[in-house]
């Protein structure tokens, strides 16, 4: 695509229904992850907190040889710009990350 142009293509009715359902499911799961994280680190989630699900690749220097893997998942951003992540490998909440 040429930079600055936007392509808008409607989904089939079936795909539109499925995409809407997937969006609802994903949103609910991200909210659940944020609530677990906030409870764990004793944070209050308010409307100023931006929920996310943004996997990050690990630095290869810290991993055994092989393809890059997602190790951190950014779960939310706090109003002061702090990013908070879930460390998938070590099963810990990290804030800031």
Protein backbone atom coordinates (compact mmCIF):
# COMPACT_ATOMS: atom_id res chain seq x y z
CA UNK A 1 0.00 0.00 0.00
CA UNK A 2 1.10 3.52 -0.72
CA UNK A 3 1.87 5.56 2.39
CA UNK A 4 -0.98 7.87 3.31
CA UNK A 5 -3.70 5.82 1.65
CA UNK A 6 -6.30 3.80 3.46
CA UNK A 7 -7.89 0.64 2.17
CA UNK A 8 -11.28 -0.28 3.62
CA UNK A 9 -12.77 -3.61 2.61
CA UNK A 10 -15.96 -4.91 4.20
CA UNK A 11 -15.96 -8.37 5.71
CA UNK A 12 -18.42 -11.03 4.70
CA UNK A 13 -21.37 -11.17 7.11
CA UNK A 14 -20.03 -14.41 8.61
CA UNK A 15 -16.51 -13.00 9.07
CA UNK A 16 -17.97 -9.79 10.52
CA UNK A 17 -19.89 -11.76 13.16
CA UNK A 18 -16.81 -13.85 13.99
CA UNK A 19 -14.50 -10.82 14.21
CA UNK A 20 -16.96 -9.04 16.51
CA UNK A 21 -17.15 -12.10 18.77
CA UNK A 22 -13.37 -12.52 18.85
CA UNK A 23 -12.97 -8.82 19.72
CA UNK A 24 -15.38 -9.22 22.64
CA UNK A 25 -13.57 -12.34 23.88
CA UNK A 26 -10.13 -10.75 23.60
CA UNK A 27 -11.28 -7.59 25.37
CA UNK A 28 -12.71 -9.64 28.24
CA UNK A 29 -9.50 -11.68 28.58
CA UNK A 30 -7.28 -8.58 28.57
CA UNK A 31 -9.48 -6.99 31.25
CA UNK A 32 -9.20 -10.17 33.32
CA UNK A 33 -5.40 -10.19 32.98
CA UNK A 34 -5.25 -6.52 34.00
CA UNK A 35 -7.41 -7.18 37.08
CA UNK A 36 -5.21 -10.11 38.16
CA UNK A 37 -2.08 -8.02 37.60
CA UNK A 38 -3.46 -5.00 39.47
CA UNK A 39 -4.55 -7.16 42.41
CA UNK A 40 -1.12 -8.82 42.53
CA UNK A 41 0.84 -5.54 42.62
CA UNK A 42 -1.80 -3.65 44.61
CA UNK A 43 -2.71 -1.08 41.93
CA UNK A 44 -6.05 0.59 41.33
CA UNK A 45 -7.26 0.42 37.74
CA UNK A 46 -9.16 3.52 36.70
CA UNK A 47 -10.33 4.98 33.40
CA UNK A 48 -6.96 6.72 32.93
CA UNK A 49 -5.15 3.34 32.68
CA UNK A 50 -4.69 2.09 29.11
CA UNK A 51 -5.22 -1.67 28.80
CA UNK A 52 -3.05 -3.47 26.26
CA UNK A 53 -1.98 -6.86 25.05
CA UNK A 54 1.37 -6.23 23.41
CA UNK A 55 3.77 -9.19 23.31
CA UNK A 56 7.47 -8.26 23.27
CA UNK A 57 10.34 -10.31 21.92
CA UNK A 58 13.12 -11.27 24.29
CA UNK A 59 16.64 -10.06 23.74
CA UNK A 60 18.45 -12.98 22.12
CA UNK A 61 21.39 -12.48 24.47
CA UNK A 62 19.23 -13.76 27.33
CA UNK A 63 17.87 -16.84 25.59
CA UNK A 64 19.22 -20.15 24.35
CA UNK A 65 19.85 -20.39 20.60
CA UNK A 66 16.70 -20.55 18.51
CA UNK A 67 13.97 -18.32 17.15
CA UNK A 68 12.89 -15.23 19.13
CA UNK A 69 10.06 -15.83 21.58
CA UNK A 70 7.57 -13.54 23.28
CA UNK A 71 8.52 -13.31 26.94
CA UNK A 72 6.89 -10.11 28.15
CA UNK A 73 3.33 -9.07 27.47
CA UNK A 74 2.59 -5.43 28.11
CA UNK A 75 -0.72 -5.42 29.98
CA UNK A 76 -1.29 -1.74 30.68
CA UNK A 77 0.17 1.74 30.74
CA UNK A 78 -0.25 3.96 33.78
CA UNK A 79 -1.10 7.68 33.44
CA UNK A 80 2.53 8.66 34.15
CA UNK A 81 3.70 6.61 31.14
CA UNK A 82 4.86 3.57 33.14
CA UNK A 83 4.49 0.29 31.24
CA UNK A 84 3.51 -2.83 33.21
CA UNK A 85 4.17 -6.31 31.83
CA UNK A 86 3.50 -9.94 32.54
CA UNK A 87 6.68 -12.04 32.26
CA UNK A 88 5.34 -15.15 30.54
CA UNK A 89 8.46 -17.28 31.07
CA UNK A 90 8.95 -16.53 34.78
CA UNK A 91 5.25 -16.05 35.64
CA UNK A 92 5.75 -12.68 37.36
CA UNK A 93 4.27 -9.18 37.14
CA UNK A 94 6.83 -6.51 36.27
CA UNK A 95 6.13 -2.80 36.72
CA UNK A 96 7.78 -0.84 35.24
CA UNK A 97 8.97 -3.02 32.40
